[in-house]
Protein backbone atom coordinates (compact mmCIF):
# COMPACT_ATOMS: atom_id res chain seq x y z
CA UNK A 1 -26.64 -64.03 -10.88
CA UNK A 2 -27.12 -61.35 -13.46
CA UNK A 3 -28.20 -58.90 -10.78
CA UNK A 4 -25.15 -59.81 -8.61
CA UNK A 5 -22.79 -59.21 -11.55
CA UNK A 6 -24.38 -55.93 -12.37
CA UNK A 7 -24.08 -54.64 -8.79
CA UNK A 8 -20.51 -55.94 -8.67
CA UNK A 9 -19.75 -54.03 -11.81
CA UNK A 10 -21.31 -50.82 -10.36
CA UNK A 11 -19.15 -51.19 -7.28
CA UNK A 12 -16.02 -51.87 -9.29
CA UNK A 13 -16.76 -48.96 -11.73
CA UNK A 14 -17.32 -46.67 -8.69
CA UNK A 15 -13.97 -47.78 -7.17
CA UNK A 16 -12.31 -47.23 -10.58
CA UNK A 17 -13.86 -43.64 -10.96
CA UNK A 18 -12.75 -42.84 -7.38
CA UNK A 19 -9.24 -44.22 -7.96
CA UNK A 20 -8.92 -42.24 -11.17
CA UNK A 21 -10.07 -39.11 -9.44
CA UNK A 22 -7.68 -39.54 -6.68
CA UNK A 23 -4.84 -40.21 -9.08
CA UNK A 24 -5.77 -37.16 -11.12
CA UNK A 25 -5.84 -34.84 -8.01
CA UNK A 26 -2.70 -36.32 -6.56
CA UNK A 27 -0.73 -35.17 -9.62
CA UNK A 28 -2.07 -31.63 -9.28
CA UNK A 29 -0.48 -28.97 -6.93
CA UNK A 30 -2.57 -28.09 -3.90
CA UNK A 31 -4.79 -25.08 -4.45
CA UNK A 32 -5.49 -22.34 -1.96
CA UNK A 33 -8.99 -22.44 -0.62
CA UNK A 34 -10.80 -19.37 0.52
CA UNK A 35 -13.05 -19.69 3.57
CA UNK A 36 -15.45 -16.71 3.78
CA UNK A 37 -16.07 -17.16 7.45
CA UNK A 38 -13.25 -14.83 8.26
CA UNK A 39 -10.05 -15.05 10.35
CA UNK A 40 -7.04 -13.60 8.45
CA UNK A 41 -6.51 -10.23 10.08
CA UNK A 42 -3.82 -8.38 8.13
CA UNK A 43 -1.41 -7.47 10.84
CA UNK A 44 1.29 -6.40 8.45
CA UNK A 45 -1.06 -3.81 6.96
CA UNK A 46 -2.06 -2.66 10.43
CA UNK A 47 1.63 -2.28 11.35
CA UNK A 48 2.39 -0.17 8.22
CA UNK A 49 -0.58 2.08 8.88
CA UNK A 50 0.39 2.65 12.54
CA UNK A 51 4.01 3.26 11.48
CA UNK A 52 2.98 5.95 9.04
CA UNK A 53 0.74 7.67 11.62
CA UNK A 54 3.46 7.74 14.32
CA UNK A 55 6.00 8.95 11.73
CA UNK A 56 3.53 11.51 10.66
CA UNK A 57 3.20 12.82 14.24
CA UNK A 58 7.01 13.00 14.61
CA UNK A 59 7.35 14.96 11.38
CA UNK A 60 4.46 17.22 12.26
CA UNK A 61 6.15 18.24 15.50
CA UNK A 62 9.46 18.66 13.80
CA UNK A 63 8.06 20.85 11.05
CA UNK A 64 5.59 22.90 13.10
CA UNK A 65 7.16 23.65 16.51
CA UNK A 66 8.70 26.89 15.35
CA UNK A 67 5.56 28.27 13.79
CA UNK A 68 3.41 26.91 16.69
CA UNK A 69 5.61 28.72 19.19
CA UNK A 70 5.37 31.99 17.21
CA UNK A 71 1.66 31.95 16.53
CA UNK A 72 0.10 29.83 19.32
CA UNK A 73 2.76 30.23 22.05
CA UNK A 74 2.73 26.37 22.28
CA UNK A 75 5.36 24.29 20.45
CA UNK A 76 3.19 21.19 20.60
CA UNK A 77 -0.12 22.87 19.47
CA UNK A 78 -0.24 21.16 16.03
CA UNK A 79 1.04 17.94 17.38
CA UNK A 80 -1.51 17.67 20.12
CA UNK A 81 -4.47 18.40 17.78
CA UNK A 82 -3.24 15.83 15.22
CA UNK A 83 -2.56 13.21 17.97
CA UNK A 84 -6.15 13.47 19.32
CA UNK A 85 -7.67 12.91 15.85
CA UNK A 86 -5.13 10.12 15.09
CA UNK A 87 -5.94 8.28 18.29
CA UNK A 88 -9.64 8.55 17.68
CA UNK A 89 -9.07 7.36 14.10
CA UNK A 90 -7.12 4.38 15.28
CA UNK A 91 -9.74 3.34 17.80
CA UNK A 92 -12.51 3.57 15.10
CA UNK A 93 -10.29 1.73 12.64
CA UNK A 94 -9.88 -1.22 14.98
CA UNK A 95 -13.61 -1.11 15.75
CA UNK A 96 -14.61 -1.07 12.13
CA UNK A 97 -12.06 -3.78 11.20
CA UNK A 98 -13.89 -6.26 13.58
CA UNK A 99 -17.33 -5.53 12.07
CA UNK A 100 -18.48 -7.24 8.86
CA UNK A 101 -18.17 -4.55 6.23
CA UNK A 102 -21.19 -6.17 4.32
CA UNK A 103 -23.43 -4.55 6.89
CA UNK A 104 -23.13 -1.47 4.59
CA UNK A 105 -25.15 -3.24 1.98
CA UNK A 106 -28.17 -3.28 4.29
CA UNK A 107 -30.82 -0.60 5.09
CA UNK A 108 -30.10 1.88 7.86
CA UNK A 109 -31.97 0.95 11.06
CA UNK A 110 -35.54 2.28 10.79
CA UNK A 111 -35.08 3.89 7.36
CA UNK A 112 -35.85 2.63 3.89
CA UNK A 113 -32.44 3.68 2.48
CA UNK A 114 -29.11 1.85 2.10
CA UNK A 115 -26.04 2.93 3.92
CA UNK A 116 -24.04 3.89 0.71
CA UNK A 117 -26.85 6.16 -0.54
CA UNK A 118 -27.26 7.76 2.85
CA UNK A 119 -23.54 8.46 3.07
CA UNK A 120 -23.38 10.09 -0.36
CA UNK A 121 -26.58 12.10 0.34
CA UNK A 122 -25.13 13.47 3.60
CA UNK A 123 -21.87 14.25 1.82
CA UNK A 124 -23.81 16.31 -0.82
CA UNK A 125 -25.78 18.18 1.87
CA UNK A 126 -22.61 18.96 3.90
CA UNK A 127 -20.92 20.27 0.83
CA UNK A 128 -23.88 22.56 0.01
CA UNK A 129 -23.78 23.90 3.61
CA UNK A 130 -20.06 24.59 3.23
CA UNK A 131 -20.60 26.67 0.12
CA UNK A 132 -23.32 28.65 1.85
CA UNK A 133 -22.15 29.05 5.43
CA UNK A 134 -18.61 27.41 5.60
CA UNK A 135 -15.63 28.78 7.34
CA UNK A 136 -13.22 30.64 4.88
CA UNK A 137 -9.47 30.27 5.10
CA UNK A 138 -6.93 31.61 2.68
CA UNK A 139 -9.77 32.68 0.38
CA UNK A 140 -11.46 29.26 0.13
CA UNK A 141 -14.59 27.86 1.90
CA UNK A 142 -13.91 24.31 2.76
CA UNK A 143 -14.51 23.88 6.50
CA UNK A 144 -17.41 23.73 8.91
CA UNK A 145 -16.76 25.17 12.37
CA UNK A 146 -17.31 22.76 15.35
CA UNK A 147 -16.61 25.47 17.95
CA UNK A 148 -13.98 24.34 20.56
CA UNK A 149 -13.44 21.11 18.75
CA UNK A 150 -11.95 22.90 15.74
CA UNK A 151 -13.05 22.58 12.14
CA UNK A 152 -14.29 19.73 9.96
CA UNK A 153 -13.70 19.36 6.16
CA UNK A 154 -16.59 17.61 4.52
CA UNK A 155 -14.57 16.94 1.27
CA UNK A 156 -12.60 14.41 3.23
CA UNK A 157 -15.83 12.58 4.14
CA UNK A 158 -16.75 12.53 0.50
CA UNK A 159 -13.83 10.20 -0.26
CA UNK A 160 -15.08 7.31 1.87
CA UNK A 161 -18.73 8.04 0.92
CA UNK A 162 -17.93 7.89 -2.80
CA UNK A 163 -15.83 4.83 -2.49
CA UNK A 164 -18.60 2.91 -0.65
CA UNK A 165 -21.33 4.15 -2.96
CA UNK A 166 -19.51 3.14 -6.18
CA UNK A 167 -18.58 -0.21 -4.85
CA UNK A 168 -22.18 -0.94 -3.73
CA UNK A 169 -23.75 0.30 -6.97
CA UNK A 170 -21.45 -1.78 -9.19
CA UNK A 171 -22.01 -4.78 -6.97
CA UNK A 172 -25.72 -4.65 -7.70
CA UNK A 173 -25.18 -5.00 -11.38
CA UNK A 174 -21.65 -5.46 -12.58
CA UNK A 175 -22.55 -6.00 -16.14
CA UNK A 176 -24.13 -2.50 -16.43
CA UNK A 177 -20.61 -0.93 -16.67
CA UNK A 178 -20.06 -2.73 -20.00
CA UNK A 179 -22.10 0.11 -21.61
CA UNK A 180 -21.53 3.97 -21.24
CA UNK A 181 -25.09 4.12 -19.90
CA UNK A 182 -24.23 2.10 -16.89
CA UNK A 183 -21.19 4.35 -16.15
CA UNK A 184 -23.43 7.46 -16.49
CA UNK A 185 -25.86 6.15 -13.91
CA UNK A 186 -23.06 5.93 -11.37
CA UNK A 187 -21.31 9.11 -12.45
CA UNK A 188 -24.35 11.45 -12.15
CA UNK A 189 -24.94 11.25 -8.36
CA UNK A 190 -21.20 10.93 -7.60
CA UNK A 191 -20.55 13.83 -10.12
CA UNK A 192 -22.89 16.19 -8.21
CA UNK A 193 -20.75 15.78 -5.05
CA UNK A 194 -17.56 16.13 -7.04
CA UNK A 195 -18.83 19.30 -8.82
CA UNK A 196 -19.83 20.90 -5.45
CA UNK A 197 -16.32 20.14 -4.07
CA UNK A 198 -14.67 21.38 -7.26
CA UNK A 199 -16.19 24.81 -6.59
CA UNK A 200 -13.73 25.53 -3.75
CA UNK A 201 -11.35 22.56 -3.90
CA UNK A 202 -10.19 21.43 -7.28
CA UNK A 203 -7.41 19.28 -5.87
CA UNK A 204 -9.78 17.09 -3.85
CA UNK A 205 -12.20 16.92 -6.79
CA UNK A 206 -9.33 15.60 -8.93
CA UNK A 207 -8.67 12.80 -6.54
CA UNK A 208 -12.35 11.90 -6.26
CA UNK A 209 -12.53 11.91 -10.12
CA UNK A 210 -9.59 9.49 -10.20
CA UNK A 211 -11.33 7.24 -7.73
CA UNK A 212 -14.54 7.25 -9.83
CA UNK A 213 -12.81 6.60 -13.12
CA UNK A 214 -10.38 4.12 -11.74
CA UNK A 215 -12.81 1.84 -9.90
CA UNK A 216 -15.27 1.84 -12.81
CA UNK A 217 -12.44 1.13 -15.29
CA UNK A 218 -11.25 -1.83 -13.34
CA UNK A 219 -14.75 -3.23 -12.79
CA UNK A 220 -15.76 -2.95 -16.47
CA UNK A 221 -15.00 -5.41 -19.22
CA UNK A 222 -15.58 -2.79 -21.90
CA UNK A 223 -12.91 -0.09 -21.82
CA UNK A 224 -13.18 1.98 -25.05
CA UNK A 225 -15.62 4.62 -23.84
CA UNK A 226 -13.41 5.42 -20.80
CA UNK A 227 -10.79 6.92 -23.20
CA UNK A 228 -13.47 9.30 -24.50
CA UNK A 229 -14.36 10.16 -20.92
CA UNK A 230 -10.72 10.96 -20.21
CA UNK A 231 -10.35 13.15 -23.30
CA UNK A 232 -13.60 14.96 -22.31
CA UNK A 233 -12.29 15.47 -18.81
CA UNK A 234 -9.00 16.78 -20.06
CA UNK A 235 -10.85 19.27 -22.27
CA UNK A 236 -13.06 20.40 -19.42
CA UNK A 237 -10.02 20.81 -17.12
CA UNK A 238 -8.14 22.88 -19.69
CA UNK A 239 -11.13 25.12 -20.18
CA UNK A 240 -11.35 25.72 -16.46
CA UNK A 241 -7.77 26.57 -16.26
CA UNK A 242 -7.95 28.96 -19.24
CA UNK A 243 -11.30 30.66 -18.56
CA UNK A 244 -11.72 30.03 -14.92
CA UNK A 245 -10.26 31.57 -11.85
CA UNK A 246 -7.10 33.59 -12.49
CA UNK A 247 -5.04 31.94 -9.81
CA UNK A 248 -5.44 28.48 -11.42
CA UNK A 249 -3.76 29.77 -14.59
CA UNK A 250 -1.06 31.49 -12.61
CA UNK A 251 -0.13 28.09 -11.03
CA UNK A 252 0.61 26.77 -14.55
CA UNK A 253 2.75 29.86 -15.17
CA UNK A 254 4.60 29.35 -11.79
CA UNK A 255 5.22 25.65 -12.69
CA UNK A 256 6.78 26.74 -16.00
CA UNK A 257 8.78 29.62 -14.63
CA UNK A 258 9.68 28.84 -10.95
CA UNK A 259 12.76 31.15 -10.84
CA UNK A 260 11.20 34.13 -12.59
CA UNK A 261 7.81 34.59 -10.84
CA UNK A 262 7.61 36.10 -7.38
CA UNK A 263 4.44 34.03 -6.62
CA UNK A 264 6.45 30.86 -6.95
CA UNK A 265 8.16 31.65 -3.62
CA UNK A 266 6.84 28.56 -1.80
CA UNK A 267 7.67 26.20 -4.68
CA UNK A 268 11.31 27.55 -4.76
CA UNK A 269 11.70 27.21 -0.94
CA UNK A 270 10.26 23.68 -1.18
CA UNK A 271 12.84 22.75 -3.86
CA UNK A 272 15.63 24.38 -1.81
CA UNK A 273 14.68 22.08 1.03
CA UNK A 274 14.79 18.98 -1.11
CA UNK A 275 18.14 19.87 -2.51
CA UNK A 276 19.68 20.84 0.92
CA UNK A 277 18.91 17.39 2.27
CA UNK A 278 21.48 15.56 0.11
CA UNK A 279 21.74 11.86 0.64
CA UNK A 280 21.16 11.41 4.34
CA UNK A 281 19.78 14.90 5.40
CA UNK A 282 20.63 17.50 8.00
CA UNK A 283 19.12 15.38 10.74
CA UNK A 284 15.71 15.08 12.35
CA UNK A 285 14.66 18.58 13.63
CA UNK A 286 17.53 20.33 11.89
CA UNK A 287 15.62 21.88 8.95
CA UNK A 288 16.29 25.44 8.10
CA UNK A 289 13.55 25.89 5.50
CA UNK A 290 10.77 25.21 8.02
CA UNK A 291 11.86 28.32 10.00
CA UNK A 292 9.39 30.59 8.02
CA UNK A 293 10.78 29.91 4.57
CA UNK A 294 8.34 27.22 3.55
CA UNK A 295 4.89 28.54 4.57
CA UNK A 296 2.71 26.09 6.49
CA UNK A 297 5.44 23.39 6.27
CA UNK A 298 3.46 20.84 8.32
CA UNK A 299 0.67 20.75 5.67
CA UNK A 300 1.03 19.89 2.01
CA UNK A 301 4.74 20.64 1.86
CA UNK A 302 5.79 18.40 4.68
CA UNK A 303 7.62 16.01 2.17
CA UNK A 304 10.08 18.80 1.36
CA UNK A 305 11.10 18.89 5.09
CA UNK A 306 11.38 15.09 5.16
CA UNK A 307 13.78 15.41 2.25
CA UNK A 308 15.79 18.10 4.09
CA UNK A 309 15.98 16.48 7.43
CA UNK A 310 16.20 12.74 6.34
CA UNK A 311 17.70 13.13 2.97
CA UNK A 312 17.17 11.16 -0.16
CA UNK A 313 17.54 7.88 1.87
CA UNK A 314 14.68 8.85 4.24
CA UNK A 315 12.46 10.08 1.43
CA UNK A 316 12.88 6.83 -0.48
CA UNK A 317 12.28 4.86 2.78
CA UNK A 318 8.88 6.69 3.16
CA UNK A 319 7.89 6.02 -0.40
CA UNK A 320 8.82 2.28 0.03
CA UNK A 321 6.60 2.12 3.05
CA UNK A 322 3.68 3.53 1.00
CA UNK A 323 4.44 0.93 -1.74
CA UNK A 324 4.29 -1.89 0.85
CA UNK A 325 0.96 -0.57 2.14
CA UNK A 326 -0.47 -0.27 -1.37
CA UNK A 327 0.71 -3.81 -2.06
CA UNK A 328 -1.15 -5.16 1.01
CA UNK A 329 -4.34 -3.34 0.08
CA UNK A 330 -4.00 -4.77 -3.45
CA UNK A 331 -3.51 -8.28 -2.03
CA UNK A 332 -6.63 -7.90 0.14
CA UNK A 333 -8.66 -6.54 -2.82
CA UNK A 334 -7.93 -9.42 -5.11
CA UNK A 335 -8.78 -11.97 -2.44
CA UNK A 336 -11.94 -10.31 -1.22
CA UNK A 337 -14.86 -12.65 -0.65
CA UNK A 338 -17.14 -10.62 -2.99
CA UNK A 339 -17.12 -7.81 -5.48
CA UNK A 340 -18.27 -5.25 -2.90
CA UNK A 341 -15.23 -5.87 -0.72
CA UNK A 342 -12.84 -5.98 -3.62
CA UNK A 343 -14.04 -2.61 -5.03
CA UNK A 344 -13.82 -0.99 -1.55
CA UNK A 345 -10.22 -2.07 -1.38
CA UNK A 346 -9.62 -0.85 -4.94
CA UNK A 347 -11.13 2.57 -4.19
CA UNK A 348 -8.97 3.00 -1.07
CA UNK A 349 -5.92 1.91 -3.04
CA UNK A 350 -6.53 4.48 -5.80
CA UNK A 351 -7.25 7.21 -3.09
CA UNK A 352 -3.95 6.63 -1.27
CA UNK A 353 -1.89 6.20 -4.40
CA UNK A 354 -3.30 9.26 -6.02
CA UNK A 355 -2.56 11.50 -3.07
CA UNK A 356 0.92 10.19 -2.57
CA UNK A 357 1.79 10.67 -6.26
CA UNK A 358 0.23 14.12 -6.55
CA UNK A 359 1.76 15.43 -3.33
CA UNK A 360 5.30 14.33 -4.18
CA UNK A 361 4.93 15.52 -7.73
CA UNK A 362 3.88 18.91 -6.55
CA UNK A 363 6.72 19.18 -3.95
CA UNK A 364 9.32 18.23 -6.60
CA UNK A 365 7.67 20.59 -9.19
CA UNK A 366 6.85 17.71 -11.51
CA UNK A 367 3.31 19.11 -11.89
CA UNK A 368 1.58 22.40 -11.23
CA UNK A 369 0.96 23.25 -7.49
CA UNK A 370 -2.24 21.91 -5.95
CA UNK A 371 -3.22 21.28 -2.39
CA UNK A 372 -3.16 17.51 -1.82
CA UNK A 373 -2.00 16.16 1.58
CA UNK A 374 0.52 13.48 2.02
CA UNK A 375 -1.60 10.60 3.56
CA UNK A 376 -1.18 9.94 7.27
CA UNK A 377 1.75 12.37 7.42
CA UNK A 378 0.57 15.92 6.52
CA UNK A 379 -1.24 17.96 9.18
CA UNK A 380 -5.07 17.67 9.04
CA UNK A 381 -7.27 15.93 11.64
CA UNK A 382 -10.21 15.21 9.38
CA UNK A 383 -7.93 13.83 6.66
CA UNK A 384 -6.06 11.32 8.93
CA UNK A 385 -9.35 10.34 10.67
CA UNK A 386 -11.15 9.53 7.40
CA UNK A 387 -8.07 7.67 6.06
CA UNK A 388 -7.97 5.54 9.14
CA UNK A 389 -11.72 4.73 8.71
CA UNK A 390 -10.89 3.58 5.19
CA UNK A 391 -8.06 1.37 6.54
CA UNK A 392 -10.61 -0.10 8.95
CA UNK A 393 -12.85 -1.07 6.00
CA UNK A 394 -9.90 -2.75 4.22
CA UNK A 395 -9.03 -4.59 7.39
CA UNK A 396 -12.63 -5.68 7.71
CA UNK A 397 -12.46 -7.16 4.21
CA UNK A 398 -9.21 -8.98 5.09
CA UNK A 399 -10.86 -10.30 8.28
CA UNK A 400 -13.51 -12.09 6.21
CA UNK A 401 -10.85 -13.98 4.19
CA UNK A 402 -8.60 -16.91 5.25
CA UNK A 403 -6.27 -18.59 2.85
CA UNK A 404 -5.53 -22.27 3.53
CA UNK A 405 -3.55 -24.94 1.64
């Protein structure tokens, strides 16, 4: 009898605990559960990326057909070259998006080296080769000739290599960043690549420095020493401007005296284009400033032609699309199944945001002139190809996450 009562009490107490648990959960709102098996492919992000690429091709043709006709005797010269690289980038983006991004944490086939380390090592080697035997254009060595295929800019490859390397290194030991020593261990190998790039391309080195500092700042719980790093970086940058190449200091002077300096011709013409657009612009293809007034309008200064042809309304619409894209990347990053995927998304977000902000700031003379392309829109085959590879990695992260009620 005693045993029967005890067993009955155990059954009753079990039912009581289950009923209390059920009652407690029934009063709480349903929580979103994350399944790491994959399935939520971010089609909205894919649409935004494709829209920017197609819009970029339209604007490249609009801004370059005059120059292409004069120099190349082919009004579609720049459009065709960009379209080939964009199409290749889209195909690779879709392929990468269907592959598990975590394969990058494994060793390369047949080699005792991880993919992130190999990518950074190749980036450093290519940058050394550029400084020694690279193609020189407008006084700068930044390209490797690929013969009939055109040229390749290794500094663009460094962006994706550095993003993946930083994300992987932090993922191995996230707590290491809580001390300056942990940051230095990441910054030294990455800094070698950035320093080599800065020799000929300070603007790209600036973007890479922002990626390094931004990702590590977000991943670290201890923030105080980053402010010291920022102050040190500002001091080094000021020293380079004052004691370095003369043309860098002249860009500061042009920024401060746009109307008075003859060398500020391009900046003035870009501002004239922005002002001439008004609210709704002259109309697509109707820009006057692209007819030889804004040099190489299809490159870094393409936003000024967007303002002239599409007006303030069109320029704000382009900025809004970028904001939507950044919001999607942010959403994917915070819902990533692991730290590695989240930091990849963070690095890509900082990369795109930095280039958009710097490019628009330069065109509107809000900061000294520097050569940073407008993502997906400015002419540059290597740039758009690497950007699309980055988008493929972010889509791969999204494809490993599914939110369910």
